[in-house]
Amino acid sequence: MENVLVAGANGTTGKQIVKLLTESQYFKPVAMVRKKEEMTQFENDGIEAVLADLENDVSHAVKNIDKVVFAAGSGGKNVIGVDQDGAKRLIDASKNANVKKFVMLSSMGADAPEKAEELQDYLKAKHNADEYLKSSGLNYAIVRPGSLNNDNATNHIKLKEKLSERGEISRADVAQTLVHVLNDDTANKVSFEILKGDTLIGKALENFASK
């Protein structure tokens, strides 16, 4: 089984990613958290956890880690320190630790933040982090969902490198997609957008790969 570090493990999407990884036969989650009590919470559930802050050195967090999912965010409070520079810190640490794949939870609009009518600072930070990952030399997948909601998982999405529409998607389906792309044969060195849709997640990724 591969060890997968989940940055932002205590967030709404992060918790769902960790849960999916605990149910997987291929992956074992390592929850990266900022607070001692969060660490204890995960450990009480039998999940390995590591204490690390994206605003400081995170090199210890990637020890014995095979793959990384970056699902952390500052919620708009510190987009430069966390969403941008924190991501860069973890990318650098992952590169030094020979991590096999880095999966980035990004956002629709991060490819062209200057065109956005709102959240421009956030999208710019995400854009810079995404571009840094692309040029890092790491194997990566950048997943850009539309607006997130808390609906139940449908296991279906709409997926394209660039969708010509805006819309929503559940955090549950985003988490499923992120876990899917951890597989070696899925979504390597690519970025794509996802929304709520009619195609099974696995099938949508398969179709995308075969283009």
Protein backbone atom coordinates (compact mmCIF):
# COMPACT_ATOMS: atom_id res chain seq x y z
CA MET A 1 0.00 0.00 0.00
CA GLU A 2 1.15 3.51 -0.77
CA ASN A 3 1.30 6.21 1.89
CA VAL A 4 -0.65 9.29 0.81
CA LEU A 5 -0.14 12.57 2.65
CA VAL A 6 -3.33 14.64 2.74
CA ALA A 7 -2.58 18.33 3.29
CA GLY A 8 -5.69 19.99 4.68
CA ALA A 9 -6.91 16.70 6.12
CA ASN A 10 -9.12 18.42 8.67
CA GLY A 11 -11.00 20.48 6.08
CA THR A 12 -14.43 19.54 4.76
CA THR A 13 -13.05 18.02 1.56
CA GLY A 14 -9.90 16.75 3.27
CA LYS A 15 -11.88 14.63 5.74
CA GLN A 16 -13.73 12.97 2.86
CA ILE A 17 -10.44 12.24 1.07
CA VAL A 18 -9.02 10.64 4.21
CA LYS A 19 -12.15 8.52 4.64
CA LEU A 20 -11.96 7.27 1.04
CA LEU A 21 -8.28 6.45 1.43
CA THR A 22 -8.93 4.43 4.60
CA GLU A 23 -11.41 2.35 2.60
CA SER A 24 -8.98 1.86 -0.30
CA GLN A 25 -7.00 -1.32 -0.81
CA TYR A 26 -4.18 0.59 -2.51
CA PHE A 27 -3.62 3.63 -0.33
CA LYS A 28 -3.07 4.48 3.30
CA PRO A 29 -3.77 8.06 4.41
CA VAL A 30 -1.44 10.19 6.49
CA ALA A 31 -3.39 13.22 7.72
CA MET A 32 -1.38 16.44 7.74
CA VAL A 33 -2.81 18.82 10.36
CA ARG A 34 -1.81 22.04 12.11
CA LYS A 35 -3.15 21.41 15.61
CA LYS A 36 -2.31 18.79 18.22
CA GLU A 37 -5.99 18.10 18.99
CA GLU A 38 -6.70 17.43 15.29
CA MET A 39 -3.81 14.98 15.25
CA THR A 40 -5.21 13.17 18.30
CA GLN A 41 -8.64 13.02 16.66
CA PHE A 42 -7.29 11.22 13.59
CA GLU A 43 -5.05 8.93 15.65
CA ASN A 44 -8.04 7.94 17.82
CA ASP A 45 -9.68 6.75 14.60
CA GLY A 46 -6.61 4.67 13.78
CA ILE A 47 -5.36 7.09 11.12
CA GLU A 48 -1.72 8.13 11.04
CA ALA A 49 -1.28 11.89 11.36
CA VAL A 50 1.58 14.35 11.14
CA LEU A 51 1.81 17.84 12.63
CA ALA A 52 2.92 20.39 10.04
CA ASP A 53 2.15 24.01 9.19
CA LEU A 54 2.25 25.10 5.55
CA GLU A 55 3.59 28.48 6.64
CA ASN A 56 6.74 26.79 7.98
CA ASP A 57 9.09 23.99 6.99
CA VAL A 58 7.13 20.86 6.02
CA SER A 59 9.96 18.57 4.93
CA HIS A 60 9.37 16.19 7.87
CA ALA A 61 5.77 15.63 6.71
CA VAL A 62 6.78 13.87 3.48
CA LYS A 63 9.04 11.30 5.13
CA ASN A 64 8.08 7.81 3.85
CA ILE A 65 5.32 9.36 1.71
CA ASP A 66 4.61 7.96 -1.78
CA LYS A 67 2.02 10.47 -3.00
CA VAL A 68 0.52 13.78 -1.89
CA VAL A 69 -2.95 15.33 -2.14
CA PHE A 70 -2.98 19.08 -1.56
CA ALA A 71 -6.47 19.97 -0.33
CA ALA A 72 -5.45 22.73 2.05
CA GLY A 73 -6.74 26.28 1.93
CA SER A 74 -6.75 29.38 4.08
CA GLY A 75 -10.42 30.13 3.38
CA GLY A 76 -9.34 33.49 1.98
CA LYS A 77 -7.52 34.49 5.19
CA ASN A 78 -3.96 34.02 3.93
CA VAL A 79 -3.99 33.16 0.24
CA ILE A 80 -0.32 34.02 -0.28
CA GLY A 81 1.02 32.26 2.84
CA VAL A 82 -1.05 29.07 2.53
CA ASP A 83 -2.69 28.65 -0.88
CA GLN A 84 0.36 29.86 -2.79
CA ASP A 85 3.58 29.69 -0.77
CA GLY A 86 2.40 26.81 1.43
CA ALA A 87 1.71 24.77 -1.68
CA LYS A 88 5.14 25.68 -3.05
CA ARG A 89 6.79 24.57 0.22
CA LEU A 90 5.07 21.20 0.04
CA ILE A 91 5.93 20.83 -3.66
CA ASP A 92 9.62 21.47 -2.90
CA ALA A 93 9.59 19.05 0.03
CA SER A 94 7.84 16.42 -2.12
CA LYS A 95 10.42 16.80 -4.85
CA ASN A 96 13.29 16.37 -2.38
CA ALA A 97 11.57 13.27 -0.95
CA ASN A 98 11.06 11.73 -4.44
CA VAL A 99 7.28 11.68 -4.08
CA LYS A 100 5.77 9.78 -7.03
CA LYS A 101 2.73 11.98 -7.64
CA PHE A 102 1.37 15.29 -6.41
CA VAL A 103 -2.38 15.83 -6.76
CA MET A 104 -3.45 19.45 -6.48
CA LEU A 105 -6.97 20.55 -5.62
CA SER A 106 -7.18 23.82 -7.52
CA SER A 107 -10.17 25.80 -8.73
CA MET A 108 -11.95 26.71 -11.93
CA GLY A 109 -10.66 30.08 -13.07
CA ALA A 110 -7.15 29.47 -11.74
CA ASP A 111 -5.86 29.20 -15.31
CA ALA A 112 -6.81 32.84 -16.00
CA PRO A 113 -7.31 34.70 -12.70
CA GLU A 114 -7.21 38.08 -14.41
CA LYS A 115 -10.55 37.29 -16.09
CA ALA A 116 -12.33 36.55 -12.82
CA GLU A 117 -14.94 38.97 -11.51
CA GLU A 118 -14.41 37.88 -7.91
CA LEU A 119 -11.89 36.02 -5.73
CA GLN A 120 -9.11 37.33 -7.96
CA ASP A 121 -6.44 37.20 -5.21
CA TYR A 122 -7.34 33.62 -4.35
CA LEU A 123 -7.35 32.49 -7.99
CA LYS A 124 -4.04 34.22 -8.61
CA ALA A 125 -2.50 32.38 -5.64
CA LYS A 126 -3.90 29.07 -6.94
CA HIS A 127 -2.62 29.89 -10.43
CA ASN A 128 0.90 30.54 -9.12
CA ALA A 129 0.87 27.30 -7.11
CA ASP A 130 -0.38 25.32 -10.13
CA GLU A 131 2.28 26.76 -12.43
CA TYR A 132 4.96 26.05 -9.83
CA LEU A 133 3.83 22.43 -9.65
CA LYS A 134 3.85 22.09 -13.45
CA SER A 135 7.44 23.29 -13.65
CA SER A 136 8.64 21.29 -10.60
CA GLY A 137 9.51 18.11 -12.48
CA LEU A 138 7.12 16.13 -10.26
CA ASN A 139 4.42 13.92 -11.74
CA TYR A 140 1.18 15.79 -11.07
CA ALA A 141 -2.56 16.07 -11.62
CA ILE A 142 -4.27 19.43 -11.15
CA VAL A 143 -8.02 19.14 -10.54
CA ARG A 144 -10.11 22.30 -10.95
CA PRO A 145 -13.70 21.97 -9.73
CA GLY A 146 -16.47 24.55 -10.00
CA SER A 147 -18.22 25.90 -6.88
CA LEU A 148 -18.22 23.32 -4.09
CA ASN A 149 -21.37 22.23 -2.27
CA ASN A 150 -22.12 19.66 0.42
CA ASP A 151 -24.49 17.45 -1.60
CA ASN A 152 -24.13 13.68 -1.46
CA ALA A 153 -21.78 11.90 -3.85
CA THR A 154 -23.26 11.03 -7.24
CA ASN A 155 -20.05 9.32 -8.46
CA HIS A 156 -20.68 11.11 -11.77
CA ILE A 157 -18.96 14.19 -13.19
CA LYS A 158 -18.46 16.28 -16.30
CA LEU A 159 -14.74 16.53 -17.12
CA LYS A 160 -12.75 18.43 -19.73
CA GLU A 161 -9.39 20.15 -19.88
CA LYS A 162 -11.44 23.36 -20.18
CA LEU A 163 -15.19 23.40 -19.66
CA SER A 164 -17.09 26.18 -21.39
CA GLU A 165 -19.50 26.66 -18.49
CA ARG A 166 -19.62 27.42 -14.79
CA GLY A 167 -21.44 25.34 -12.20
CA GLU A 168 -21.29 23.34 -9.00
CA ILE A 169 -20.02 19.99 -7.82
CA SER A 170 -20.21 18.22 -4.47
CA ARG A 171 -17.14 18.00 -2.26
CA ALA A 172 -17.84 14.26 -2.11
CA ASP A 173 -17.45 13.88 -5.89
CA VAL A 174 -14.34 16.08 -5.84
CA ALA A 175 -12.83 13.85 -3.14
CA GLN A 176 -13.64 10.76 -5.22
CA THR A 177 -11.96 12.32 -8.26
CA LEU A 178 -8.82 13.25 -6.30
CA VAL A 179 -8.48 9.71 -4.97
CA HIS A 180 -9.02 8.27 -8.47
CA VAL A 181 -6.19 10.31 -9.96
CA LEU A 182 -3.73 9.00 -7.37
CA ASN A 183 -3.54 5.82 -9.45
CA ASP A 184 -0.36 5.52 -11.51
CA ASP A 185 -2.18 4.96 -14.78
CA THR A 186 -4.58 7.90 -14.37
CA ALA A 187 -4.13 11.61 -15.13
CA ASN A 188 -0.38 12.12 -15.26
CA LYS A 189 1.05 15.62 -15.86
CA VAL A 190 -2.37 17.06 -16.70
CA SER A 191 -4.83 19.64 -15.44
CA PHE A 192 -8.59 19.53 -16.00
CA GLU A 193 -11.89 21.01 -14.84
CA ILE A 194 -14.83 19.14 -13.32
CA LEU A 195 -18.49 19.85 -12.63
CA LYS A 196 -21.53 17.83 -11.64
CA GLY A 197 -22.30 15.59 -14.61
CA ASP A 198 -23.57 12.29 -16.00
CA THR A 199 -20.38 10.30 -16.60
CA LEU A 200 -19.00 7.90 -14.00
CA ILE A 201 -15.82 9.37 -12.50
CA GLY A 202 -13.61 6.47 -13.58
CA LYS A 203 -15.06 6.53 -17.09
CA ALA A 204 -14.68 10.32 -17.39
CA LEU A 205 -10.99 10.02 -16.48
CA GLU A 206 -10.56 7.12 -18.90
CA ASN A 207 -12.14 9.11 -21.74
CA PHE A 208 -9.95 12.11 -20.93
CA ALA A 209 -6.78 10.00 -20.95
CA SER A 210 -7.57 8.38 -24.29
CA LYS A 211 -7.89 11.69 -26.14
